[in-house]
Amino acid sequence: MTVEIASQMTNCKTSAALWNAITEFVGANTRSRVTFIKSSFQQLKKGSLKMREYLAKMKSLSDNLTLAGCPLSLTDLITQTLAGLDTEYTPIVVILSEKDNLT
């Protein structure tokens, strides 16, 4: 346990109270982390990034959500990746969006 966490648990009188406080603390961190990652994921645009960099960032954010216990569906990953592309990719996005089984 880190000093930061331990200092927030000093008021716990029993091991059960300590366990519950730690569980709540970790859960709050995970929830805020998931919120932050989801926000980053939804706001990411290709912009000036090279396609390889953009796709790597999208994959990294998706992987981080999975590690935080909130995995994205493949459909959500594809949809958001396409949504973050610039208008020059619109013809490709339209074609891919019409496909029933996109992987």
PDB file of N, CA and C in Angstrom:
ATOM      1  N   MET A   1       0.858  -1.169   0.000  1.00  0.00           N
ATOM      2  CA  MET A   1       0.000   0.000   0.000  1.00  0.00           C
ATOM      3  C   MET A   1       0.902   1.229   0.000  1.00  0.00           C
ATOM      4  N   THR A   2       0.562   2.180  -0.839  1.00  0.00           N
ATOM      5  CA  THR A   2       1.356   3.407  -0.894  1.00  0.00           C
ATOM      6  C   THR A   2       1.031   4.305   0.289  1.00  0.00           C
ATOM      7  N   VAL A   3       1.924   5.233   0.576  1.00  0.00           N
ATOM      8  CA  VAL A   3       1.723   6.183   1.667  1.00  0.00           C
ATOM      9  C   VAL A   3       0.477   7.030   1.394  1.00  0.00           C
ATOM     10  N   GLU A   4       0.260   7.379   0.129  1.00  0.00           N
ATOM     11  CA  GLU A   4      -0.912   8.188  -0.236  1.00  0.00           C
ATOM     12  C   GLU A   4      -2.210   7.476   0.145  1.00  0.00           C
ATOM     13  N   ILE A   5      -2.293   6.197  -0.183  1.00  0.00           N
ATOM     14  CA  ILE A   5      -3.502   5.433   0.141  1.00  0.00           C
ATOM     15  C   ILE A   5      -3.594   5.215   1.647  1.00  0.00           C
ATOM     16  N   ALA A   6      -2.485   4.862   2.272  1.00  0.00           N
ATOM     17  CA  ALA A   6      -2.482   4.600   3.714  1.00  0.00           C
ATOM     18  C   ALA A   6      -2.937   5.824   4.504  1.00  0.00           C
ATOM     19  N   SER A   7      -2.521   7.001   4.078  1.00  0.00           N
ATOM     20  CA  SER A   7      -2.907   8.208   4.812  1.00  0.00           C
ATOM     21  C   SER A   7      -4.414   8.463   4.748  1.00  0.00           C
ATOM     22  N   GLN A   8      -5.066   7.960   3.712  1.00  0.00           N
ATOM     23  CA  GLN A   8      -6.514   8.132   3.598  1.00  0.00           C
ATOM     24  C   GLN A   8      -7.279   7.047   4.349  1.00  0.00           C
ATOM     25  N   MET A   9      -6.581   6.052   4.869  1.00  0.00           N
ATOM     26  CA  MET A   9      -7.232   4.932   5.535  1.00  0.00           C
ATOM     27  C   MET A   9      -7.000   4.920   7.048  1.00  0.00           C
ATOM     28  N   THR A  10      -6.434   5.991   7.583  1.00  0.00           N
ATOM     29  CA  THR A  10      -6.067   6.006   9.000  1.00  0.00           C
ATOM     30  C   THR A  10      -7.259   5.945   9.951  1.00  0.00           C
ATOM     31  N   ASN A  11      -8.429   6.279   9.485  1.00  0.00           N
ATOM     32  CA  ASN A  11      -9.600   6.276  10.373  1.00  0.00           C
ATOM     33  C   ASN A  11     -10.282   4.914  10.459  1.00  0.00           C
ATOM     34  N   CYS A  12      -9.788   3.919   9.751  1.00  0.00           N
ATOM     35  CA  CYS A  12     -10.395   2.585   9.779  1.00  0.00           C
ATOM     36  C   CYS A  12     -10.017   1.870  11.074  1.00  0.00           C
ATOM     37  N   LYS A  13     -11.013   1.365  11.787  1.00  0.00           N
ATOM     38  CA  LYS A  13     -10.792   0.723  13.089  1.00  0.00           C
ATOM     39  C   LYS A  13     -10.626  -0.786  12.983  1.00  0.00           C
ATOM     40  N   THR A  14     -11.179  -1.399  11.925  1.00  0.00           N
ATOM     41  CA  THR A  14     -11.087  -2.850  11.776  1.00  0.00           C
ATOM     42  C   THR A  14     -10.528  -3.188  10.398  1.00  0.00           C
ATOM     43  N   SER A  15     -10.082  -4.431  10.248  1.00  0.00           N
ATOM     44  CA  SER A  15      -9.573  -4.854   8.939  1.00  0.00           C
ATOM     45  C   SER A  15     -10.690  -4.848   7.897  1.00  0.00           C
ATOM     46  N   ALA A  16     -11.914  -5.165   8.312  1.00  0.00           N
ATOM     47  CA  ALA A  16     -13.045  -5.137   7.378  1.00  0.00           C
ATOM     48  C   ALA A  16     -13.296  -3.704   6.899  1.00  0.00           C
ATOM     49  N   ALA A  17     -13.231  -2.743   7.822  1.00  0.00           N
ATOM     50  CA  ALA A  17     -13.433  -1.343   7.446  1.00  0.00           C
ATOM     51  C   ALA A  17     -12.313  -0.878   6.504  1.00  0.00           C
ATOM     52  N   LEU A  18     -11.087  -1.331   6.788  1.00  0.00           N
ATOM     53  CA  LEU A  18      -9.953  -0.989   5.930  1.00  0.00           C
ATOM     54  C   LEU A  18     -10.145  -1.567   4.535  1.00  0.00           C
ATOM     55  N   TRP A  19     -10.539  -2.836   4.475  1.00  0.00           N
ATOM     56  CA  TRP A  19     -10.763  -3.481   3.180  1.00  0.00           C
ATOM     57  C   TRP A  19     -11.842  -2.745   2.377  1.00  0.00           C
ATOM     58  N   ASN A  20     -12.940  -2.422   3.033  1.00  0.00           N
ATOM     59  CA  ASN A  20     -14.032  -1.712   2.357  1.00  0.00           C
ATOM     60  C   ASN A  20     -13.592  -0.331   1.872  1.00  0.00           C
ATOM     61  N   ALA A  21     -12.806   0.372   2.680  1.00  0.00           N
ATOM     62  CA  ALA A  21     -12.335   1.702   2.295  1.00  0.00           C
ATOM     63  C   ALA A  21     -11.390   1.615   1.097  1.00  0.00           C
ATOM     64  N   ILE A  22     -10.504   0.639   1.099  1.00  0.00           N
ATOM     65  CA  ILE A  22      -9.573   0.465  -0.020  1.00  0.00           C
ATOM     66  C   ILE A  22     -10.342   0.099  -1.285  1.00  0.00           C
ATOM     67  N   THR A  23     -11.291  -0.800  -1.169  1.00  0.00           N
ATOM     68  CA  THR A  23     -12.096  -1.206  -2.320  1.00  0.00           C
ATOM     69  C   THR A  23     -12.831  -0.004  -2.906  1.00  0.00           C
ATOM     70  N   GLU A  24     -13.405   0.820  -2.045  1.00  0.00           N
ATOM     71  CA  GLU A  24     -14.118   2.011  -2.504  1.00  0.00           C
ATOM     72  C   GLU A  24     -13.153   3.000  -3.162  1.00  0.00           C
ATOM     73  N   PHE A  25     -11.980   3.185  -2.560  1.00  0.00           N
ATOM     74  CA  PHE A  25     -10.981   4.103  -3.102  1.00  0.00           C
ATOM     75  C   PHE A  25     -10.507   3.651  -4.483  1.00  0.00           C
ATOM     76  N   VAL A  26     -10.195   2.388  -4.622  1.00  0.00           N
ATOM     77  CA  VAL A  26      -9.726   1.855  -5.903  1.00  0.00           C
ATOM     78  C   VAL A  26     -10.840   1.928  -6.941  1.00  0.00           C
ATOM     79  N   GLY A  27     -12.062   1.613  -6.532  1.00  0.00           N
ATOM     80  CA  GLY A  27     -13.196   1.691  -7.446  1.00  0.00           C
ATOM     81  C   GLY A  27     -13.418   3.101  -7.958  1.00  0.00           C
ATOM     82  N   ALA A  28     -13.263   4.090  -7.095  1.00  0.00           N
ATOM     83  CA  ALA A  28     -13.428   5.491  -7.508  1.00  0.00           C
ATOM     84  C   ALA A  28     -12.352   5.878  -8.505  1.00  0.00           C
ATOM     85  N   ASN A  29     -11.113   5.422  -8.257  1.00  0.00           N
ATOM     86  CA  ASN A  29     -10.032   5.713  -9.201  1.00  0.00           C
ATOM     87  C   ASN A  29     -10.307   5.072 -10.542  1.00  0.00           C
ATOM     88  N   THR A  30     -10.803   3.854 -10.526  1.00  0.00           N
ATOM     89  CA  THR A  30     -11.092   3.155 -11.772  1.00  0.00           C
ATOM     90  C   THR A  30     -12.202   3.860 -12.536  1.00  0.00           C
ATOM     91  N   ARG A  31     -13.266   4.266 -11.825  1.00  0.00           N
ATOM     92  CA  ARG A  31     -14.371   4.961 -12.484  1.00  0.00           C
ATOM     93  C   ARG A  31     -13.905   6.272 -13.107  1.00  0.00           C
ATOM     94  N   SER A  32     -13.099   7.038 -12.372  1.00  0.00           N
ATOM     95  CA  SER A  32     -12.635   8.308 -12.928  1.00  0.00           C
ATOM     96  C   SER A  32     -11.666   8.062 -14.077  1.00  0.00           C
ATOM     97  N   ARG A  33     -10.872   7.006 -13.984  1.00  0.00           N
ATOM     98  CA  ARG A  33      -9.951   6.665 -15.069  1.00  0.00           C
ATOM     99  C   ARG A  33     -10.733   6.270 -16.321  1.00  0.00           C
ATOM    100  N   VAL A  34     -11.768   5.450 -16.139  1.00  0.00           N
ATOM    101  CA  VAL A  34     -12.600   5.036 -17.273  1.00  0.00           C
ATOM    102  C   VAL A  34     -13.242   6.254 -17.919  1.00  0.00           C
ATOM    103  N   THR A  35     -13.755   7.164 -17.117  1.00  0.00           N
ATOM    104  CA  THR A  35     -14.376   8.383 -17.640  1.00  0.00           C
ATOM    105  C   THR A  35     -13.374   9.198 -18.452  1.00  0.00           C
ATOM    106  N   PHE A  36     -12.165   9.341 -17.913  1.00  0.00           N
ATOM    107  CA  PHE A  36     -11.128  10.102 -18.608  1.00  0.00           C
ATOM    108  C   PHE A  36     -10.749   9.430 -19.928  1.00  0.00           C
ATOM    109  N   ILE A  37     -10.540   8.121 -19.911  1.00  0.00           N
ATOM    110  CA  ILE A  37     -10.138   7.405 -21.126  1.00  0.00           C
ATOM    111  C   ILE A  37     -11.257   7.450 -22.168  1.00  0.00           C
ATOM    112  N   LYS A  38     -12.506   7.244 -21.735  1.00  0.00           N
ATOM    113  CA  LYS A  38     -13.634   7.307 -22.671  1.00  0.00           C
ATOM    114  C   LYS A  38     -13.723   8.685 -23.315  1.00  0.00           C
ATOM    115  N   SER A  39     -13.528   9.725 -22.527  1.00  0.00           N
ATOM    116  CA  SER A  39     -13.568  11.080 -23.057  1.00  0.00           C
ATOM    117  C   SER A  39     -12.453  11.283 -24.081  1.00  0.00           C
ATOM    118  N   SER A  40     -11.259  10.829 -23.755  1.00  0.00           N
ATOM    119  CA  SER A  40     -10.130  10.942 -24.695  1.00  0.00           C
ATOM    120  C   SER A  40     -10.418  10.168 -25.973  1.00  0.00           C
ATOM    121  N   PHE A  41     -11.001   8.995 -25.820  1.00  0.00           N
ATOM    122  CA  PHE A  41     -11.323   8.136 -26.958  1.00  0.00           C
ATOM    123  C   PHE A  41     -12.338   8.820 -27.875  1.00  0.00           C
ATOM    124  N   GLN A  42     -13.373   9.413 -27.276  1.00  0.00           N
ATOM    125  CA  GLN A  42     -14.428  10.049 -28.061  1.00  0.00           C
ATOM    126  C   GLN A  42     -13.975  11.355 -28.704  1.00  0.00           C
ATOM    127  N   GLN A  43     -12.986  12.015 -28.127  1.00  0.00           N
ATOM    128  CA  GLN A  43     -12.529  13.299 -28.656  1.00  0.00           C
ATOM    129  C   GLN A  43     -11.370  13.172 -29.634  1.00  0.00           C
ATOM    130  N   LEU A  44     -10.741  12.012 -29.702  1.00  0.00           N
ATOM    131  CA  LEU A  44      -9.565  11.865 -30.559  1.00  0.00           C
ATOM    132  C   LEU A  44      -9.941  11.992 -32.027  1.00  0.00           C
ATOM    133  N   LYS A  45      -9.238  12.854 -32.714  1.00  0.00           N
ATOM    134  CA  LYS A  45      -9.407  13.056 -34.155  1.00  0.00           C
ATOM    135  C   LYS A  45      -8.068  12.795 -34.814  1.00  0.00           C
ATOM    136  N   LYS A  46      -8.118  12.362 -36.058  1.00  0.00           N
ATOM    137  CA  LYS A  46      -6.886  12.088 -36.772  1.00  0.00           C
ATOM    138  C   LYS A  46      -6.072  13.354 -36.938  1.00  0.00           C
ATOM    139  N   GLY A  47      -6.715  14.425 -37.383  1.00  0.00           N
ATOM    140  CA  GLY A  47      -6.024  15.697 -37.526  1.00  0.00           C
ATOM    141  C   GLY A  47      -4.722  15.562 -38.295  1.00  0.00           C
ATOM    142  N   SER A  48      -3.644  16.032 -37.710  1.00  0.00           N
ATOM    143  CA  SER A  48      -2.341  16.005 -38.373  1.00  0.00           C
ATOM    144  C   SER A  48      -1.574  14.704 -38.132  1.00  0.00           C
ATOM    145  N   LEU A  49      -2.169  13.785 -37.370  1.00  0.00           N
ATOM    146  CA  LEU A  49      -1.496  12.509 -37.111  1.00  0.00           C
ATOM    147  C   LEU A  49      -1.414  11.681 -38.393  1.00  0.00           C
ATOM    148  N   LYS A  50      -0.361  10.919 -38.505  1.00  0.00           N
ATOM    149  CA  LYS A  50      -0.311   9.934 -39.586  1.00  0.00           C
ATOM    150  C   LYS A  50      -1.317   8.848 -39.239  1.00  0.00           C
ATOM    151  N   MET A  51      -1.833   8.179 -40.251  1.00  0.00           N
ATOM    152  CA  MET A  51      -2.860   7.159 -40.017  1.00  0.00           C
ATOM    153  C   MET A  51      -2.364   6.104 -39.025  1.00  0.00           C
ATOM    154  N   ARG A  52      -1.135   5.683 -39.156  1.00  0.00           N
ATOM    155  CA  ARG A  52      -0.570   4.670 -38.246  1.00  0.00           C
ATOM    156  C   ARG A  52      -0.603   5.165 -36.803  1.00  0.00           C
ATOM    157  N   GLU A  53      -0.256   6.442 -36.587  1.00  0.00           N
ATOM    158  CA  GLU A  53      -0.261   7.021 -35.243  1.00  0.00           C
ATOM    159  C   GLU A  53      -1.690   7.112 -34.696  1.00  0.00           C
ATOM    160  N   TYR A  54      -2.600   7.544 -35.543  1.00  0.00           N
ATOM    161  CA  TYR A  54      -4.008   7.672 -35.139  1.00  0.00           C
ATOM    162  C   TYR A  54      -4.574   6.317 -34.723  1.00  0.00           C
ATOM    163  N   LEU A  55      -4.361   5.311 -35.548  1.00  0.00           N
ATOM    164  CA  LEU A  55      -4.884   3.975 -35.236  1.00  0.00           C
ATOM    165  C   LEU A  55      -4.216   3.402 -33.988  1.00  0.00           C
ATOM    166  N   ALA A  56      -2.937   3.669 -33.810  1.00  0.00           N
ATOM    167  CA  ALA A  56      -2.234   3.194 -32.605  1.00  0.00           C
ATOM    168  C   ALA A  56      -2.802   3.844 -31.350  1.00  0.00           C
ATOM    169  N   LYS A  57      -3.128   5.144 -31.417  1.00  0.00           N
ATOM    170  CA  LYS A  57      -3.727   5.826 -30.264  1.00  0.00           C
ATOM    171  C   LYS A  57      -5.115   5.283 -29.960  1.00  0.00           C
ATOM    172  N   MET A  58      -5.905   5.056 -31.006  1.00  0.00           N
ATOM    173  CA  MET A  58      -7.246   4.491 -30.795  1.00  0.00           C
ATOM    174  C   MET A  58      -7.143   3.113 -30.146  1.00  0.00           C
ATOM    175  N   LYS A  59      -6.222   2.298 -30.627  1.00  0.00           N
ATOM    176  CA  LYS A  59      -6.028   0.951 -30.075  1.00  0.00           C
ATOM    177  C   LYS A  59      -5.555   1.028 -28.628  1.00  0.00           C
ATOM    178  N   SER A  60      -4.639   1.941 -28.354  1.00  0.00           N
ATOM    179  CA  SER A  60      -4.128   2.106 -26.999  1.00  0.00           C
ATOM    180  C   SER A  60      -5.234   2.515 -26.025  1.00  0.00           C
ATOM    181  N   LEU A  61      -6.075   3.464 -26.424  1.00  0.00           N
ATOM    182  CA  LEU A  61      -7.189   3.876 -25.567  1.00  0.00           C
ATOM    183  C   LEU A  61      -8.169   2.730 -25.351  1.00  0.00           C
ATOM    184  N   SER A  62      -8.427   1.977 -26.409  1.00  0.00           N
ATOM    185  CA  SER A  62      -9.306   0.812 -26.289  1.00  0.00           C
ATOM    186  C   SER A  62      -8.713  -0.219 -25.334  1.00  0.00           C
ATOM    187  N   ASP A  63      -7.425  -0.477 -25.462  1.00  0.00           N
ATOM    188  CA  ASP A  63      -6.752  -1.425 -24.566  1.00  0.00           C
ATOM    189  C   ASP A  63      -6.786  -0.947 -23.119  1.00  0.00           C
ATOM    190  N   ASN A  64      -6.594   0.362 -22.911  1.00  0.00           N
ATOM    191  CA  ASN A  64      -6.639   0.905 -21.557  1.00  0.00           C
ATOM    192  C   ASN A  64      -8.023   0.784 -20.941  1.00  0.00           C
ATOM    193  N   LEU A  65      -9.059   0.941 -21.741  1.00  0.00           N
ATOM    194  CA  LEU A  65     -10.421   0.739 -21.231  1.00  0.00           C
ATOM    195  C   LEU A  65     -10.626  -0.721 -20.840  1.00  0.00           C
ATOM    196  N   THR A  66     -10.104  -1.628 -21.635  1.00  0.00           N
ATOM    197  CA  THR A  66     -10.209  -3.053 -21.303  1.00  0.00           C
ATOM    198  C   THR A  66      -9.491  -3.344 -19.992  1.00  0.00           C
ATOM    199  N   LEU A  67      -8.292  -2.799 -19.815  1.00  0.00           N
ATOM    200  CA  LEU A  67      -7.534  -3.000 -18.579  1.00  0.00           C
ATOM    201  C   LEU A  67      -8.241  -2.405 -17.369  1.00  0.00           C
ATOM    202  N   ALA A  68      -9.012  -1.345 -17.590  1.00  0.00           N
ATOM    203  CA  ALA A  68      -9.754  -0.717 -16.498  1.00  0.00           C
ATOM    204  C   ALA A  68     -11.084  -1.417 -16.227  1.00  0.00           C
ATOM    205  N   GLY A  69     -11.348  -2.507 -16.965  1.00  0.00           N
ATOM    206  CA  GLY A  69     -12.561  -3.283 -16.730  1.00  0.00           C
ATOM    207  C   GLY A  69     -13.769  -2.811 -17.508  1.00  0.00           C
ATOM    208  N   CYS A  70     -13.559  -2.026 -18.548  1.00  0.00           N
ATOM    209  CA  CYS A  70     -14.663  -1.487 -19.341  1.00  0.00           C
ATOM    210  C   CYS A  70     -14.351  -1.645 -20.828  1.00  0.00           C
ATOM    211  N   PRO A  71     -14.294  -2.884 -21.311  1.00  0.00           N
ATOM    212  CA  PRO A  71     -13.914  -3.095 -22.708  1.00  0.00           C
ATOM    213  C   PRO A  71     -14.945  -2.539 -23.681  1.00  0.00           C
ATOM    214  N   LEU A  72     -14.443  -2.062 -24.815  1.00  0.00           N
ATOM    215  CA  LEU A  72     -15.310  -1.575 -25.885  1.00  0.00           C
ATOM    216  C   LEU A  72     -15.696  -2.731 -26.789  1.00  0.00           C
ATOM    217  N   SER A  73     -16.860  -2.643 -27.371  1.00  0.00           N
ATOM    218  CA  SER A  73     -17.221  -3.617 -28.393  1.00  0.00           C
ATOM    219  C   SER A  73     -16.454  -3.266 -29.659  1.00  0.00           C
ATOM    220  N   LEU A  74     -16.263  -4.241 -30.520  1.00  0.00           N
ATOM    221  CA  LEU A  74     -15.586  -3.999 -31.789  1.00  0.00           C
ATOM    222  C   LEU A  74     -16.347  -2.968 -32.607  1.00  0.00           C
ATOM    223  N   THR A  75     -17.660  -3.028 -32.552  1.00  0.00           N
ATOM    224  CA  THR A  75     -18.493  -2.062 -33.275  1.00  0.00           C
ATOM    225  C   THR A  75     -18.226  -0.646 -32.785  1.00  0.00           C
ATOM    226  N   ASP A  76     -18.147  -0.446 -31.466  1.00  0.00           N
ATOM    227  CA  ASP A  76     -17.874   0.886 -30.919  1.00  0.00           C
ATOM    228  C   ASP A  76     -16.488   1.371 -31.316  1.00  0.00           C
ATOM    229  N   LEU A  77     -15.517   0.480 -31.296  1.00  0.00           N
ATOM    230  CA  LEU A  77     -14.159   0.842 -31.688  1.00  0.00           C
ATOM    231  C   LEU A  77     -14.117   1.286 -33.148  1.00  0.00           C
ATOM    232  N   ILE A  78     -14.745   0.525 -34.016  1.00  0.00           N
ATOM    233  CA  ILE A  78     -14.759   0.857 -35.445  1.00  0.00           C
ATOM    234  C   ILE A  78     -15.517   2.161 -35.682  1.00  0.00           C
ATOM    235  N   THR A  79     -16.689   2.294 -35.068  1.00  0.00           N
ATOM    236  CA  THR A  79     -17.512   3.489 -35.252  1.00  0.00           C
ATOM    237  C   THR A  79     -16.765   4.748 -34.829  1.00  0.00           C
ATOM    238  N   GLN A  80     -16.138   4.714 -33.663  1.00  0.00           N
ATOM    239  CA  GLN A  80     -15.437   5.901 -33.183  1.00  0.00           C
ATOM    240  C   GLN A  80     -14.180   6.174 -34.000  1.00  0.00           C
ATOM    241  N   THR A  81     -13.506   5.130 -34.438  1.00  0.00           N
ATOM    242  CA  THR A  81     -12.319   5.314 -35.281  1.00  0.00           C
ATOM    243  C   THR A  81     -12.696   5.993 -36.583  1.00  0.00           C
ATOM    244  N   LEU A  82     -13.781   5.546 -37.196  1.00  0.00           N
ATOM    245  CA  LEU A  82     -14.244   6.180 -38.435  1.00  0.00           C
ATOM    246  C   LEU A  82     -14.711   7.609 -38.188  1.00  0.00           C
ATOM    247  N   ALA A  83     -15.357   7.853 -37.057  1.00  0.00           N
ATOM    248  CA  ALA A  83     -15.868   9.189 -36.735  1.00  0.00           C
ATOM    249  C   ALA A  83     -14.735  10.195 -36.536  1.00  0.00           C
ATOM    250  N   GLY A  84     -13.571   9.723 -36.145  1.00  0.00           N
ATOM    251  CA  GLY A  84     -12.447  10.622 -35.902  1.00  0.00           C
ATOM    252  C   GLY A  84     -11.647  10.975 -37.140  1.00  0.00           C
ATOM    253  N   LEU A  85     -12.033  10.418 -38.269  1.00  0.00           N
ATOM    254  CA  LEU A  85     -11.311  10.707 -39.506  1.00  0.00           C
ATOM    255  C   LEU A  85     -11.742  12.044 -40.094  1.00  0.00           C
ATOM    256  N   ASP A  86     -10.831  12.658 -40.840  1.00  0.00           N
ATOM    257  CA  ASP A  86     -11.096  13.946 -41.480  1.00  0.00           C
ATOM    258  C   ASP A  86     -12.044  13.766 -42.665  1.00  0.00           C
ATOM    259  N   THR A  87     -12.535  14.891 -43.181  1.00  0.00           N
ATOM    260  CA  THR A  87     -13.489  14.857 -44.290  1.00  0.00           C
ATOM    261  C   THR A  87     -12.903  14.246 -45.554  1.00  0.00           C
ATOM    262  N   GLU A  88     -11.591  14.279 -45.695  1.00  0.00           N
ATOM    263  CA  GLU A  88     -10.989  13.666 -46.887  1.00  0.00           C
ATOM    264  C   GLU A  88     -11.219  12.158 -46.920  1.00  0.00           C
ATOM    265  N   TYR A  89     -11.566  11.576 -45.788  1.00  0.00           N
ATOM    266  CA  TYR A  89     -11.831  10.141 -45.712  1.00  0.00           C
ATOM    267  C   TYR A  89     -13.318   9.809 -45.830  1.00  0.00           C
ATOM    268  N   THR A  90     -14.168  10.806 -46.030  1.00  0.00           N
ATOM    269  CA  THR A  90     -15.612  10.595 -46.084  1.00  0.00           C
ATOM    270  C   THR A  90     -16.030   9.508 -47.073  1.00  0.00           C
ATOM    271  N   PRO A  91     -15.498   9.472 -48.302  1.00  0.00           N
ATOM    272  CA  PRO A  91     -15.914   8.401 -49.220  1.00  0.00           C
ATOM    273  C   PRO A  91     -15.623   6.996 -48.667  1.00  0.00           C
ATOM    274  N   ILE A  92     -14.490   6.846 -48.023  1.00  0.00           N
ATOM    275  CA  ILE A  92     -14.131   5.541 -47.442  1.00  0.00           C
ATOM    276  C   ILE A  92     -15.039   5.227 -46.257  1.00  0.00           C
ATOM    277  N   VAL A  93     -15.291   6.243 -45.420  1.00  0.00           N
ATOM    278  CA  VAL A  93     -16.159   6.056 -44.256  1.00  0.00           C
ATOM    279  C   VAL A  93     -17.554   5.631 -44.693  1.00  0.00           C
ATOM    280  N   VAL A  94     -18.084   6.260 -45.739  1.00  0.00           N
ATOM    281  CA  VAL A  94     -19.419   5.916 -46.244  1.00  0.00           C
ATOM    282  C   VAL A  94     -19.445   4.463 -46.711  1.00  0.00           C
ATOM    283  N   ILE A  95     -18.451   4.054 -47.474  1.00  0.00           N
ATOM    284  CA  ILE A  95     -18.400   2.670 -47.978  1.00  0.00           C
ATOM    285  C   ILE A  95     -18.302   1.681 -46.823  1.00  0.00           C
ATOM    286  N   LEU A  96     -17.421   1.974 -45.860  1.00  0.00           N
ATOM    287  CA  LEU A  96     -17.243   1.060 -44.727  1.00  0.00           C
ATOM    288  C   LEU A  96     -18.479   1.033 -43.829  1.00  0.00           C
ATOM    289  N   SER A  97     -19.144   2.163 -43.693  1.00  0.00           N
ATOM    290  CA  SER A  97     -20.333   2.239 -42.834  1.00  0.00           C
ATOM    291  C   SER A  97     -21.496   1.425 -43.388  1.00  0.00           C
ATOM    292  N   GLU A  98     -21.501   1.200 -44.684  1.00  0.00           N
ATOM    293  CA  GLU A  98     -22.587   0.433 -45.315  1.00  0.00           C
ATOM    294  C   GLU A  98     -22.381  -1.074 -45.183  1.00  0.00           C
ATOM    295  N   LYS A  99     -21.206  -1.503 -44.795  1.00  0.00           N
ATOM    296  CA  LYS A  99     -20.918  -2.929 -44.655  1.00  0.00           C
ATOM    297  C   LYS A  99     -21.618  -3.469 -43.413  1.00  0.00           C
ATOM    298  N   ASP A 100     -22.171  -4.671 -43.552  1.00  0.00           N
ATOM    299  CA  ASP A 100     -22.870  -5.290 -42.428  1.00  0.00           C
ATOM    300  C   ASP A 100     -21.921  -5.900 -41.404  1.00  0.00           C
ATOM    301  N   ASN A 101     -20.867  -6.517 -41.876  1.00  0.00           N
ATOM    302  CA  ASN A 101     -19.974  -7.242 -40.991  1.00  0.00           C
ATOM    303  C   ASN A 101     -18.554  -6.699 -41.140  1.00  0.00           C
ATOM    304  N   LEU A 102     -18.293  -5.594 -40.485  1.00  0.00           N
ATOM    305  CA  LEU A 102     -16.999  -4.940 -40.589  1.00  0.00           C
ATOM    306  C   LEU A 102     -16.109  -5.377 -39.438  1.00  0.00           C
ATOM    307  N   THR A 103     -14.918  -5.802 -39.768  1.00  0.00           N
ATOM    308  CA  THR A 103     -13.956  -6.206 -38.716  1.00  0.00           C
ATOM    309  C   THR A 103     -12.666  -5.452 -38.879  1.00  0.00           C
TER     310      THR A 103
END
